[in-house]
Amino acid sequence: MNQKIEISKTEQLEALTDGLQAFYRVVEKHIGGPIRTDFRQFATVTKTELAEYLKSHPLLAEKHVMSEEEALRLHDHPALLTENGKWLVCWIDRGTKTNKAYFDDLPEAAANFLMAYW
């Protein structure tokens, strides 16, 4: 079943800044039940739009920064931390940082972290 729903960009951005689970809850509210398909079909915002939103709300970006210790406890999960004076978005796999991407700008890094599954 391919449902056509429209979720406002503002509602999507607000949910995404709270994490992927919050985005799932918004989609489920609009479709009236659990998501049984690729959740990305319901997203119309881009990483660029999310980064711009986070620039206007810097505390929303900062809350996703992890310590090295927190990040290395993750498994098969994205992480956002600092390394050598830059923002680092990477994938943590069994305590190892992989797929590293460095950013000068926290909102851009946070947008890439929050939309890591895109």
PDB file of N, CA and C in Angstrom:
ATOM      1  N   MET A   1       0.843  -1.178   0.000  1.00  0.00           N
ATOM      2  CA  MET A   1       0.000   0.000   0.000  1.00  0.00           C
ATOM      3  C   MET A   1       0.884   1.236   0.000  1.00  0.00           C
ATOM      4  N   ASN A   2       0.728   2.077  -0.956  1.00  0.00           N
ATOM      5  CA  ASN A   2       1.528   3.292  -1.072  1.00  0.00           C
ATOM      6  C   ASN A   2       0.648   4.482  -0.716  1.00  0.00           C
ATOM      7  N   GLN A   3       0.788   4.949   0.529  1.00  0.00           N
ATOM      8  CA  GLN A   3      -0.056   6.026   1.006  1.00  0.00           C
ATOM      9  C   GLN A   3       0.509   7.376   0.617  1.00  0.00           C
ATOM     10  N   LYS A   4      -0.358   8.258   0.205  1.00  0.00           N
ATOM     11  CA  LYS A   4       0.035   9.622  -0.123  1.00  0.00           C
ATOM     12  C   LYS A   4      -0.420  10.516   1.020  1.00  0.00           C
ATOM     13  N   ILE A   5       0.549  10.976   1.790  1.00  0.00           N
ATOM     14  CA  ILE A   5       0.244  11.909   2.877  1.00  0.00           C
ATOM     15  C   ILE A   5       1.172  13.098   2.750  1.00  0.00           C
ATOM     16  N   GLU A   6       0.761  14.180   3.343  1.00  0.00           N
ATOM     17  CA  GLU A   6       1.608  15.364   3.350  1.00  0.00           C
ATOM     18  C   GLU A   6       1.835  15.795   4.783  1.00  0.00           C
ATOM     19  N   ILE A   7       3.098  15.852   5.157  1.00  0.00           N
ATOM     20  CA  ILE A   7       3.496  16.333   6.478  1.00  0.00           C
ATOM     21  C   ILE A   7       4.228  17.645   6.239  1.00  0.00           C
ATOM     22  N   SER A   8       3.823  18.674   6.942  1.00  0.00           N
ATOM     23  CA  SER A   8       4.445  19.981   6.713  1.00  0.00           C
ATOM     24  C   SER A   8       5.952  19.910   6.971  1.00  0.00           C
ATOM     25  N   LYS A   9       6.688  20.726   6.251  1.00  0.00           N
ATOM     26  CA  LYS A   9       8.145  20.770   6.440  1.00  0.00           C
ATOM     27  C   LYS A   9       8.484  21.150   7.875  1.00  0.00           C
ATOM     28  N   THR A  10       7.727  22.072   8.445  1.00  0.00           N
ATOM     29  CA  THR A  10       7.997  22.483   9.824  1.00  0.00           C
ATOM     30  C   THR A  10       7.845  21.310  10.779  1.00  0.00           C
ATOM     31  N   GLU A  11       6.789  20.543  10.612  1.00  0.00           N
ATOM     32  CA  GLU A  11       6.568  19.382  11.484  1.00  0.00           C
ATOM     33  C   GLU A  11       7.673  18.343  11.288  1.00  0.00           C
ATOM     34  N   GLN A  12       8.107  18.145  10.058  1.00  0.00           N
ATOM     35  CA  GLN A  12       9.201  17.207   9.800  1.00  0.00           C
ATOM     36  C   GLN A  12      10.498  17.683  10.451  1.00  0.00           C
ATOM     37  N   LEU A  13      10.813  18.971  10.283  1.00  0.00           N
ATOM     38  CA  LEU A  13      12.044  19.524  10.848  1.00  0.00           C
ATOM     39  C   LEU A  13      12.037  19.437  12.366  1.00  0.00           C
ATOM     40  N   GLU A  14      10.918  19.800  12.964  1.00  0.00           N
ATOM     41  CA  GLU A  14      10.830  19.727  14.426  1.00  0.00           C
ATOM     42  C   GLU A  14      11.012  18.295  14.912  1.00  0.00           C
ATOM     43  N   ALA A  15      10.431  17.338  14.221  1.00  0.00           N
ATOM     44  CA  ALA A  15      10.571  15.938  14.619  1.00  0.00           C
ATOM     45  C   ALA A  15      12.006  15.449  14.417  1.00  0.00           C
ATOM     46  N   LEU A  16      12.572  15.757  13.273  1.00  0.00           N
ATOM     47  CA  LEU A  16      13.938  15.299  12.991  1.00  0.00           C
ATOM     48  C   LEU A  16      14.951  15.818  13.997  1.00  0.00           C
ATOM     49  N   THR A  17      14.752  17.040  14.485  1.00  0.00           N
ATOM     50  CA  THR A  17      15.704  17.576  15.455  1.00  0.00           C
ATOM     51  C   THR A  17      15.632  16.830  16.779  1.00  0.00           C
ATOM     52  N   ASP A  18      14.589  16.042  16.964  1.00  0.00           N
ATOM     53  CA  ASP A  18      14.455  15.232  18.170  1.00  0.00           C
ATOM     54  C   ASP A  18      14.890  13.789  17.921  1.00  0.00           C
ATOM     55  N   GLY A  19      15.285  13.473  16.695  1.00  0.00           N
ATOM     56  CA  GLY A  19      15.782  12.136  16.376  1.00  0.00           C
ATOM     57  C   GLY A  19      14.836  11.352  15.491  1.00  0.00           C
ATOM     58  N   LEU A  20      15.337  10.251  15.000  1.00  0.00           N
ATOM     59  CA  LEU A  20      14.587   9.435  14.046  1.00  0.00           C
ATOM     60  C   LEU A  20      13.317   8.844  14.650  1.00  0.00           C
ATOM     61  N   GLN A  21      13.372   8.436  15.925  1.00  0.00           N
ATOM     62  CA  GLN A  21      12.165   7.887  16.555  1.00  0.00           C
ATOM     63  C   GLN A  21      11.034   8.917  16.575  1.00  0.00           C
ATOM     64  N   ALA A  22      11.379  10.173  16.817  1.00  0.00           N
ATOM     65  CA  ALA A  22      10.365  11.239  16.807  1.00  0.00           C
ATOM     66  C   ALA A  22       9.781  11.398  15.404  1.00  0.00           C
ATOM     67  N   PHE A  23      10.630  11.275  14.381  1.00  0.00           N
ATOM     68  CA  PHE A  23      10.130  11.360  13.008  1.00  0.00           C
ATOM     69  C   PHE A  23       9.172  10.198  12.722  1.00  0.00           C
ATOM     70  N   TYR A  24       9.541   8.992  13.181  1.00  0.00           N
ATOM     71  CA  TYR A  24       8.647   7.842  13.015  1.00  0.00           C
ATOM     72  C   TYR A  24       7.284   8.127  13.652  1.00  0.00           C
ATOM     73  N   ARG A  25       7.279   8.676  14.850  1.00  0.00           N
ATOM     74  CA  ARG A  25       6.006   8.957  15.549  1.00  0.00           C
ATOM     75  C   ARG A  25       5.138   9.929  14.763  1.00  0.00           C
ATOM     76  N   VAL A  26       5.757  10.940  14.155  1.00  0.00           N
ATOM     77  CA  VAL A  26       5.000  11.905  13.346  1.00  0.00           C
ATOM     78  C   VAL A  26       4.382  11.206  12.136  1.00  0.00           C
ATOM     79  N   VAL A  27       5.167  10.381  11.464  1.00  0.00           N
ATOM     80  CA  VAL A  27       4.645   9.659  10.302  1.00  0.00           C
ATOM     81  C   VAL A  27       3.494   8.750  10.733  1.00  0.00           C
ATOM     82  N   GLU A  28       3.691   8.015  11.813  1.00  0.00           N
ATOM     83  CA  GLU A  28       2.649   7.095  12.284  1.00  0.00           C
ATOM     84  C   GLU A  28       1.370   7.839  12.657  1.00  0.00           C
ATOM     85  N   LYS A  29       1.513   9.041  13.212  1.00  0.00           N
ATOM     86  CA  LYS A  29       0.335   9.858  13.534  1.00  0.00           C
ATOM     87  C   LYS A  29      -0.430  10.192  12.249  1.00  0.00           C
ATOM     88  N   HIS A  30       0.287  10.516  11.186  1.00  0.00           N
ATOM     89  CA  HIS A  30      -0.356  10.910   9.925  1.00  0.00           C
ATOM     90  C   HIS A  30      -0.937   9.728   9.158  1.00  0.00           C
ATOM     91  N   ILE A  31      -0.315   8.561   9.272  1.00  0.00           N
ATOM     92  CA  ILE A  31      -0.846   7.409   8.525  1.00  0.00           C
ATOM     93  C   ILE A  31      -1.808   6.574   9.365  1.00  0.00           C
ATOM     94  N   GLY A  32      -1.888   6.883  10.654  1.00  0.00           N
ATOM     95  CA  GLY A  32      -2.861   6.209  11.512  1.00  0.00           C
ATOM     96  C   GLY A  32      -2.440   4.844  12.007  1.00  0.00           C
ATOM     97  N   GLY A  33      -1.156   4.564  12.013  1.00  0.00           N
ATOM     98  CA  GLY A  33      -0.684   3.269  12.510  1.00  0.00           C
ATOM     99  C   GLY A  33       0.797   3.105  12.251  1.00  0.00           C
ATOM    100  N   PRO A  34       1.303   1.894  12.462  1.00  0.00           N
ATOM    101  CA  PRO A  34       2.740   1.655  12.288  1.00  0.00           C
ATOM    102  C   PRO A  34       3.197   1.786  10.830  1.00  0.00           C
ATOM    103  N   ILE A  35       4.426   2.184  10.669  1.00  0.00           N
ATOM    104  CA  ILE A  35       5.021   2.305   9.335  1.00  0.00           C
ATOM    105  C   ILE A  35       5.352   0.901   8.846  1.00  0.00           C
ATOM    106  N   ARG A  36       4.853   0.556   7.672  1.00  0.00           N
ATOM    107  CA  ARG A  36       5.088  -0.783   7.114  1.00  0.00           C
ATOM    108  C   ARG A  36       5.833  -0.709   5.787  1.00  0.00           C
ATOM    109  N   THR A  37       6.502   0.417   5.573  1.00  0.00           N
ATOM    110  CA  THR A  37       7.223   0.639   4.329  1.00  0.00           C
ATOM    111  C   THR A  37       8.431   1.520   4.639  1.00  0.00           C
ATOM    112  N   ASP A  38       9.180   1.893   3.646  1.00  0.00           N
ATOM    113  CA  ASP A  38      10.348   2.745   3.839  1.00  0.00           C
ATOM    114  C   ASP A  38       9.899   4.123   4.336  1.00  0.00           C
ATOM    115  N   PHE A  39      10.322   4.477   5.532  1.00  0.00           N
ATOM    116  CA  PHE A  39       9.897   5.738   6.144  1.00  0.00           C
ATOM    117  C   PHE A  39      10.304   6.952   5.323  1.00  0.00           C
ATOM    118  N   ARG A  40      11.347   6.824   4.516  1.00  0.00           N
ATOM    119  CA  ARG A  40      11.852   7.980   3.762  1.00  0.00           C
ATOM    120  C   ARG A  40      10.866   8.487   2.717  1.00  0.00           C
ATOM    121  N   GLN A  41       9.914   7.651   2.319  1.00  0.00           N
ATOM    122  CA  GLN A  41       8.937   8.117   1.327  1.00  0.00           C
ATOM    123  C   GLN A  41       8.051   9.227   1.892  1.00  0.00           C
ATOM    124  N   PHE A  42       8.016   9.385   3.203  1.00  0.00           N
ATOM    125  CA  PHE A  42       7.189  10.406   3.829  1.00  0.00           C
ATOM    126  C   PHE A  42       7.959  11.702   4.093  1.00  0.00           C
ATOM    127  N   ALA A  43       9.270  11.693   3.862  1.00  0.00           N
ATOM    128  CA  ALA A  43      10.109  12.862   4.132  1.00  0.00           C
ATOM    129  C   ALA A  43      10.262  13.705   2.872  1.00  0.00           C
ATOM    130  N   THR A  44      10.056  14.990   3.043  1.00  0.00           N
ATOM    131  CA  THR A  44      10.262  15.900   1.914  1.00  0.00           C
ATOM    132  C   THR A  44      11.338  16.935   2.227  1.00  0.00           C
ATOM    133  N   VAL A  45      11.872  16.917   3.444  1.00  0.00           N
ATOM    134  CA  VAL A  45      12.929  17.865   3.794  1.00  0.00           C
ATOM    135  C   VAL A  45      14.281  17.310   3.356  1.00  0.00           C
ATOM    136  N   THR A  46      15.218  18.216   3.138  1.00  0.00           N
ATOM    137  CA  THR A  46      16.573  17.833   2.734  1.00  0.00           C
ATOM    138  C   THR A  46      17.540  18.104   3.874  1.00  0.00           C
ATOM    139  N   LYS A  47      18.737  17.554   3.764  1.00  0.00           N
ATOM    140  CA  LYS A  47      19.776  17.837   4.755  1.00  0.00           C
ATOM    141  C   LYS A  47      20.085  19.331   4.791  1.00  0.00           C
ATOM    142  N   THR A  48      20.078  19.966   3.655  1.00  0.00           N
ATOM    143  CA  THR A  48      20.344  21.404   3.594  1.00  0.00           C
ATOM    144  C   THR A  48      19.278  22.178   4.367  1.00  0.00           C
ATOM    145  N   GLU A  49      18.013  21.814   4.183  1.00  0.00           N
ATOM    146  CA  GLU A  49      16.932  22.482   4.917  1.00  0.00           C
ATOM    147  C   GLU A  49      17.047  22.234   6.418  1.00  0.00           C
ATOM    148  N   LEU A  50      17.414  21.005   6.790  1.00  0.00           N
ATOM    149  CA  LEU A  50      17.580  20.697   8.208  1.00  0.00           C
ATOM    150  C   LEU A  50      18.750  21.489   8.791  1.00  0.00           C
ATOM    151  N   ALA A  51      19.851  21.592   8.066  1.00  0.00           N
ATOM    152  CA  ALA A  51      21.007  22.374   8.531  1.00  0.00           C
ATOM    153  C   ALA A  51      20.622  23.838   8.724  1.00  0.00           C
ATOM    154  N   GLU A  52      19.857  24.392   7.803  1.00  0.00           N
ATOM    155  CA  GLU A  52      19.411  25.788   7.929  1.00  0.00           C
ATOM    156  C   GLU A  52      18.518  25.959   9.163  1.00  0.00           C
ATOM    157  N   TYR A  53      17.644  25.002   9.389  1.00  0.00           N
ATOM    158  CA  TYR A  53      16.774  25.043  10.567  1.00  0.00           C
ATOM    159  C   TYR A  53      17.619  24.991  11.839  1.00  0.00           C
ATOM    160  N   LEU A  54      18.626  24.124  11.857  1.00  0.00           N
ATOM    161  CA  LEU A  54      19.491  23.991  13.030  1.00  0.00           C
ATOM    162  C   LEU A  54      20.343  25.236  13.265  1.00  0.00           C
ATOM    163  N   LYS A  55      20.680  25.954  12.206  1.00  0.00           N
ATOM    164  CA  LYS A  55      21.409  27.220  12.367  1.00  0.00           C
ATOM    165  C   LYS A  55      20.554  28.228  13.135  1.00  0.00           C
ATOM    166  N   SER A  56      19.256  28.162  12.935  1.00  0.00           N
ATOM    167  CA  SER A  56      18.331  29.049  13.641  1.00  0.00           C
ATOM    168  C   SER A  56      18.031  28.569  15.063  1.00  0.00           C
ATOM    169  N   HIS A  57      18.354  27.303  15.336  1.00  0.00           N
ATOM    170  CA  HIS A  57      18.082  26.691  16.645  1.00  0.00           C
ATOM    171  C   HIS A  57      19.327  25.915  17.093  1.00  0.00           C
ATOM    172  N   PRO A  58      20.417  26.610  17.412  1.00  0.00           N
ATOM    173  CA  PRO A  58      21.693  25.937  17.686  1.00  0.00           C
ATOM    174  C   PRO A  58      21.670  24.938  18.841  1.00  0.00           C
ATOM    175  N   LEU A  59      20.844  25.163  19.841  1.00  0.00           N
ATOM    176  CA  LEU A  59      20.794  24.212  20.954  1.00  0.00           C
ATOM    177  C   LEU A  59      20.263  22.852  20.517  1.00  0.00           C
ATOM    178  N   LEU A  60      19.418  22.842  19.489  1.00  0.00           N
ATOM    179  CA  LEU A  60      18.902  21.570  18.970  1.00  0.00           C
ATOM    180  C   LEU A  60      20.001  20.746  18.316  1.00  0.00           C
ATOM    181  N   ALA A  61      20.995  21.426  17.735  1.00  0.00           N
ATOM    182  CA  ALA A  61      22.137  20.716  17.149  1.00  0.00           C
ATOM    183  C   ALA A  61      23.073  20.233  18.247  1.00  0.00           C
ATOM    184  N   GLU A  62      23.331  21.087  19.218  1.00  0.00           N
ATOM    185  CA  GLU A  62      24.286  20.759  20.285  1.00  0.00           C
ATOM    186  C   GLU A  62      23.869  19.547  21.104  1.00  0.00           C
ATOM    187  N   LYS A  63      22.574  19.327  21.271  1.00  0.00           N
ATOM    188  CA  LYS A  63      22.123  18.224  22.128  1.00  0.00           C
ATOM    189  C   LYS A  63      22.466  16.837  21.566  1.00  0.00           C
ATOM    190  N   HIS A  64      22.860  16.768  20.314  1.00  0.00           N
ATOM    191  CA  HIS A  64      23.180  15.471  19.705  1.00  0.00           C
ATOM    192  C   HIS A  64      24.671  15.132  19.737  1.00  0.00           C
ATOM    193  N   VAL A  65      25.500  16.069  20.198  1.00  0.00           N
ATOM    194  CA  VAL A  65      26.942  15.818  20.277  1.00  0.00           C
ATOM    195  C   VAL A  65      27.210  14.844  21.413  1.00  0.00           C
ATOM    196  N   MET A  66      27.997  13.809  21.121  1.00  0.00           N
ATOM    197  CA  MET A  66      28.331  12.778  22.102  1.00  0.00           C
ATOM    198  C   MET A  66      29.787  12.893  22.518  1.00  0.00           C
ATOM    199  N   SER A  67      30.074  12.350  23.672  1.00  0.00           N
ATOM    200  CA  SER A  67      31.479  12.211  24.058  1.00  0.00           C
ATOM    201  C   SER A  67      32.044  11.002  23.320  1.00  0.00           C
ATOM    202  N   GLU A  68      33.344  10.950  23.237  1.00  0.00           N
ATOM    203  CA  GLU A  68      34.007   9.797  22.607  1.00  0.00           C
ATOM    204  C   GLU A  68      33.587   8.511  23.312  1.00  0.00           C
ATOM    205  N   GLU A  69      33.540   8.558  24.625  1.00  0.00           N
ATOM    206  CA  GLU A  69      33.169   7.379  25.418  1.00  0.00           C
ATOM    207  C   GLU A  69      31.757   6.900  25.078  1.00  0.00           C
ATOM    208  N   GLU A  70      30.814   7.833  25.013  1.00  0.00           N
ATOM    209  CA  GLU A  70      29.429   7.480  24.655  1.00  0.00           C
ATOM    210  C   GLU A  70      29.369   6.861  23.260  1.00  0.00           C
ATOM    211  N   ALA A  71      30.056   7.482  22.331  1.00  0.00           N
ATOM    212  CA  ALA A  71      30.007   7.029  20.940  1.00  0.00           C
ATOM    213  C   ALA A  71      30.563   5.620  20.787  1.00  0.00           C
ATOM    214  N   LEU A  72      31.673   5.341  21.446  1.00  0.00           N
ATOM    215  CA  LEU A  72      32.313   4.043  21.261  1.00  0.00           C
ATOM    216  C   LEU A  72      31.560   2.893  21.920  1.00  0.00           C
ATOM    217  N   ARG A  73      30.557   3.204  22.726  1.00  0.00           N
ATOM    218  CA  ARG A  73      29.701   2.161  23.294  1.00  0.00           C
ATOM    219  C   ARG A  73      28.606   1.728  22.323  1.00  0.00           C
ATOM    220  N   LEU A  74      28.416   2.507  21.271  1.00  0.00           N
ATOM    221  CA  LEU A  74      27.383   2.185  20.282  1.00  0.00           C
ATOM    222  C   LEU A  74      27.829   1.042  19.386  1.00  0.00           C
ATOM    223  N   HIS A  75      26.859   0.398  18.757  1.00  0.00           N
ATOM    224  CA  HIS A  75      27.177  -0.617  17.753  1.00  0.00           C
ATOM    225  C   HIS A  75      26.243  -0.427  16.570  1.00  0.00           C
ATOM    226  N   ASP A  76      26.863  -0.336  15.413  1.00  0.00           N
ATOM    227  CA  ASP A  76      26.111  -0.195  14.173  1.00  0.00           C
ATOM    228  C   ASP A  76      25.141   0.986  14.255  1.00  0.00           C
ATOM    229  N   HIS A  77      25.721   2.150  14.547  1.00  0.00           N
ATOM    230  CA  HIS A  77      24.917   3.344  14.791  1.00  0.00           C
ATOM    231  C   HIS A  77      25.722   4.585  14.418  1.00  0.00           C
ATOM    232  N   PRO A  78      25.061   5.630  13.924  1.00  0.00           N
ATOM    233  CA  PRO A  78      25.781   6.879  13.641  1.00  0.00           C
ATOM    234  C   PRO A  78      26.126   7.612  14.935  1.00  0.00           C
ATOM    235  N   ALA A  79      27.155   8.456  14.860  1.00  0.00           N
ATOM    236  CA  ALA A  79      27.570   9.247  16.017  1.00  0.00           C
ATOM    237  C   ALA A  79      27.993  10.637  15.558  1.00  0.00           C
ATOM    238  N   LEU A  80      27.827  11.604  16.448  1.00  0.00           N
ATOM    239  CA  LEU A  80      28.257  12.980  16.211  1.00  0.00           C
ATOM    240  C   LEU A  80      29.137  13.375  17.388  1.00  0.00           C
ATOM    241  N   LEU A  81      30.395  13.694  17.110  1.00  0.00           N
ATOM    242  CA  LEU A  81      31.324  14.092  18.152  1.00  0.00           C
ATOM    243  C   LEU A  81      32.360  15.052  17.592  1.00  0.00           C
ATOM    244  N   THR A  82      33.264  15.494  18.432  1.00  0.00           N
ATOM    245  CA  THR A  82      34.338  16.366  17.962  1.00  0.00           C
ATOM    246  C   THR A  82      35.627  15.565  17.899  1.00  0.00           C
ATOM    247  N   GLU A  83      36.458  15.941  16.927  1.00  0.00           N
ATOM    248  CA  GLU A  83      37.761  15.295  16.783  1.00  0.00           C
ATOM    249  C   GLU A  83      38.690  16.290  16.100  1.00  0.00           C
ATOM    250  N   ASN A  84      39.798  16.570  16.750  1.00  0.00           N
ATOM    251  CA  ASN A  84      40.799  17.501  16.202  1.00  0.00           C
ATOM    252  C   ASN A  84      40.209  18.854  15.822  1.00  0.00           C
ATOM    253  N   GLY A  85      39.312  19.373  16.673  1.00  0.00           N
ATOM    254  CA  GLY A  85      38.747  20.696  16.445  1.00  0.00           C
ATOM    255  C   GLY A  85      37.678  20.771  15.371  1.00  0.00           C
ATOM    256  N   LYS A  86      37.223  19.632  14.877  1.00  0.00           N
ATOM    257  CA  LYS A  86      36.165  19.606  13.859  1.00  0.00           C
ATOM    258  C   LYS A  86      35.010  18.753  14.373  1.00  0.00           C
ATOM    259  N   TRP A  87      33.887  18.907  13.728  1.00  0.00           N
ATOM    260  CA  TRP A  87      32.730  18.056  14.026  1.00  0.00           C
ATOM    261  C   TRP A  87      32.847  16.798  13.187  1.00  0.00           C
ATOM    262  N   LEU A  88      32.661  15.664  13.807  1.00  0.00           N
ATOM    263  CA  LEU A  88      32.797  14.380  13.132  1.00  0.00           C
ATOM    264  C   LEU A  88      31.480  13.631  13.155  1.00  0.00           C
ATOM    265  N   VAL A  89      31.029  13.223  11.996  1.00  0.00           N
ATOM    266  CA  VAL A  89      29.902  12.307  11.876  1.00  0.00           C
ATOM    267  C   VAL A  89      30.490  11.014  11.346  1.00  0.00           C
ATOM    268  N   CYS A  90      30.220   9.930  12.050  1.00  0.00           N
ATOM    269  CA  CYS A  90      30.761   8.640  11.632  1.00  0.00           C
ATOM    270  C   CYS A  90      29.787   7.541  12.017  1.00  0.00           C
ATOM    271  N   TRP A  91      30.101   6.358  11.564  1.00  0.00           N
ATOM    272  CA  TRP A  91      29.345   5.178  11.927  1.00  0.00           C
ATOM    273  C   TRP A  91      30.197   4.430  12.932  1.00  0.00           C
ATOM    274  N   ILE A  92      29.575   3.949  14.018  1.00  0.00           N
ATOM    275  CA  ILE A  92      30.303   3.177  15.020  1.00  0.00           C
ATOM    276  C   ILE A  92      29.969   1.711  14.814  1.00  0.00           C
ATOM    277  N   ASP A  93      30.992   0.923  14.623  1.00  0.00           N
ATOM    278  CA  ASP A  93      30.826  -0.512  14.425  1.00  0.00           C
ATOM    279  C   ASP A  93      31.775  -1.229  15.372  1.00  0.00           C
ATOM    280  N   ARG A  94      31.203  -1.849  16.408  1.00  0.00           N
ATOM    281  CA  ARG A  94      31.983  -2.580  17.418  1.00  0.00           C
ATOM    282  C   ARG A  94      33.114  -1.731  18.002  1.00  0.00           C
ATOM    283  N   GLY A  95      32.782  -0.510  18.351  1.00  0.00           N
ATOM    284  CA  GLY A  95      33.747   0.368  18.986  1.00  0.00           C
ATOM    285  C   GLY A  95      34.741   1.026  18.058  1.00  0.00           C
ATOM    286  N   THR A  96      34.529   0.904  16.767  1.00  0.00           N
ATOM    287  CA  THR A  96      35.425   1.500  15.778  1.00  0.00           C
ATOM    288  C   THR A  96      34.667   2.525  14.948  1.00  0.00           C
ATOM    289  N   LYS A  97      35.290   3.688  14.761  1.00  0.00           N
ATOM    290  CA  LYS A  97      34.688   4.739  13.934  1.00  0.00           C
ATOM    291  C   LYS A  97      34.965   4.435  12.463  1.00  0.00           C
ATOM    292  N   THR A  98      33.914   4.353  11.682  1.00  0.00           N
ATOM    293  CA  THR A  98      34.047   4.120  10.243  1.00  0.00           C
ATOM    294  C   THR A  98      33.284   5.206   9.491  1.00  0.00           C
ATOM    295  N   ASN A  99      33.508   5.281   8.190  1.00  0.00           N
ATOM    296  CA  ASN A  99      32.795   6.241   7.333  1.00  0.00           C
ATOM    297  C   ASN A  99      32.821   7.648   7.914  1.00  0.00           C
ATOM    298  N   LYS A 100      33.999   8.122   8.263  1.00  0.00           N
ATOM    299  CA  LYS A 100      34.151   9.430   8.893  1.00  0.00           C
ATOM    300  C   LYS A 100      33.913  10.565   7.896  1.00  0.00           C
ATOM    301  N   ALA A 101      33.182  11.576   8.366  1.00  0.00           N
ATOM    302  CA  ALA A 101      32.983  12.803   7.595  1.00  0.00           C
ATOM    303  C   ALA A 101      33.167  13.965   8.571  1.00  0.00           C
ATOM    304  N   TYR A 102      34.048  14.896   8.207  1.00  0.00           N
ATOM    305  CA  TYR A 102      34.362  16.037   9.065  1.00  0.00           C
ATOM    306  C   TYR A 102      33.666  17.295   8.567  1.00  0.00           C
ATOM    307  N   PHE A 103      33.256  18.130   9.513  1.00  0.00           N
ATOM    308  CA  PHE A 103      32.542  19.365   9.193  1.00  0.00           C
ATOM    309  C   PHE A 103      33.094  20.500  10.043  1.00  0.00           C
ATOM    310  N   ASP A 104      33.123  21.701   9.485  1.00  0.00           N
ATOM    311  CA  ASP A 104      33.489  22.900  10.239  1.00  0.00           C
ATOM    312  C   ASP A 104      32.281  23.468  10.968  1.00  0.00           C
ATOM    313  N   ASP A 105      31.100  23.151  10.475  1.00  0.00           N
ATOM    314  CA  ASP A 105      29.850  23.755  10.908  1.00  0.00           C
ATOM    315  C   ASP A 105      29.003  22.725  11.665  1.00  0.00           C
ATOM    316  N   LEU A 106      28.664  23.007  12.942  1.00  0.00           N
ATOM    317  CA  LEU A 106      27.856  22.069  13.725  1.00  0.00           C
ATOM    318  C   LEU A 106      26.478  21.824  13.117  1.00  0.00           C
ATOM    319  N   PRO A 107      25.726  22.832  12.687  1.00  0.00           N
ATOM    320  CA  PRO A 107      24.414  22.526  12.107  1.00  0.00           C
ATOM    321  C   PRO A 107      24.491  21.578  10.898  1.00  0.00           C
ATOM    322  N   GLU A 108      25.495  21.754  10.053  1.00  0.00           N
ATOM    323  CA  GLU A 108      25.650  20.846   8.906  1.00  0.00           C
ATOM    324  C   GLU A 108      25.992  19.438   9.381  1.00  0.00           C
ATOM    325  N   ALA A 109      26.882  19.337  10.359  1.00  0.00           N
ATOM    326  CA  ALA A 109      27.246  18.024  10.903  1.00  0.00           C
ATOM    327  C   ALA A 109      26.031  17.360  11.549  1.00  0.00           C
ATOM    328  N   ALA A 110      25.280  18.128  12.339  1.00  0.00           N
ATOM    329  CA  ALA A 110      24.103  17.572  13.009  1.00  0.00           C
ATOM    330  C   ALA A 110      23.051  17.116  11.999  1.00  0.00           C
ATOM    331  N   ALA A 111      22.859  17.869  10.933  1.00  0.00           N
ATOM    332  CA  ALA A 111      21.902  17.461   9.895  1.00  0.00           C
ATOM    333  C   ALA A 111      22.328  16.140   9.261  1.00  0.00           C
ATOM    334  N   ASN A 112      23.612  15.980   9.014  1.00  0.00           N
ATOM    335  CA  ASN A 112      24.102  14.720   8.447  1.00  0.00           C
ATOM    336  C   ASN A 112      23.964  13.572   9.433  1.00  0.00           C
ATOM    337  N   PHE A 113      24.173  13.841  10.703  1.00  0.00           N
ATOM    338  CA  PHE A 113      23.969  12.831  11.738  1.00  0.00           C
ATOM    339  C   PHE A 113      22.503  12.445  11.818  1.00  0.00           C
ATOM    340  N   LEU A 114      21.623  13.432  11.918  1.00  0.00           N
ATOM    341  CA  LEU A 114      20.203  13.161  12.087  1.00  0.00           C
ATOM    342  C   LEU A 114      19.566  12.482  10.878  1.00  0.00           C
ATOM    343  N   MET A 115      20.163  12.693   9.696  1.00  0.00           N
ATOM    344  CA  MET A 115      19.641  12.066   8.493  1.00  0.00           C
ATOM    345  C   MET A 115      20.610  10.998   7.968  1.00  0.00           C
ATOM    346  N   ALA A 116      21.301  10.364   8.878  1.00  0.00           N
ATOM    347  CA  ALA A 116      22.302   9.358   8.506  1.00  0.00           C
ATOM    348  C   ALA A 116      21.706   8.184   7.735  1.00  0.00           C
ATOM    349  N   TYR A 117      20.442   7.916   7.941  1.00  0.00           N
ATOM    350  CA  TYR A 117      19.807   6.771   7.271  1.00  0.00           C
ATOM    351  C   TYR A 117      19.255   7.127   5.904  1.00  0.00           C
ATOM    352  N   TRP A 118      19.485   8.348   5.435  1.00  0.00           N
ATOM    353  CA  TRP A 118      18.982   8.781   4.136  1.00  0.00           C
ATOM    354  C   TRP A 118      19.952   8.397   3.063  1.00  0.00           C
TER     355      TRP A 118
END
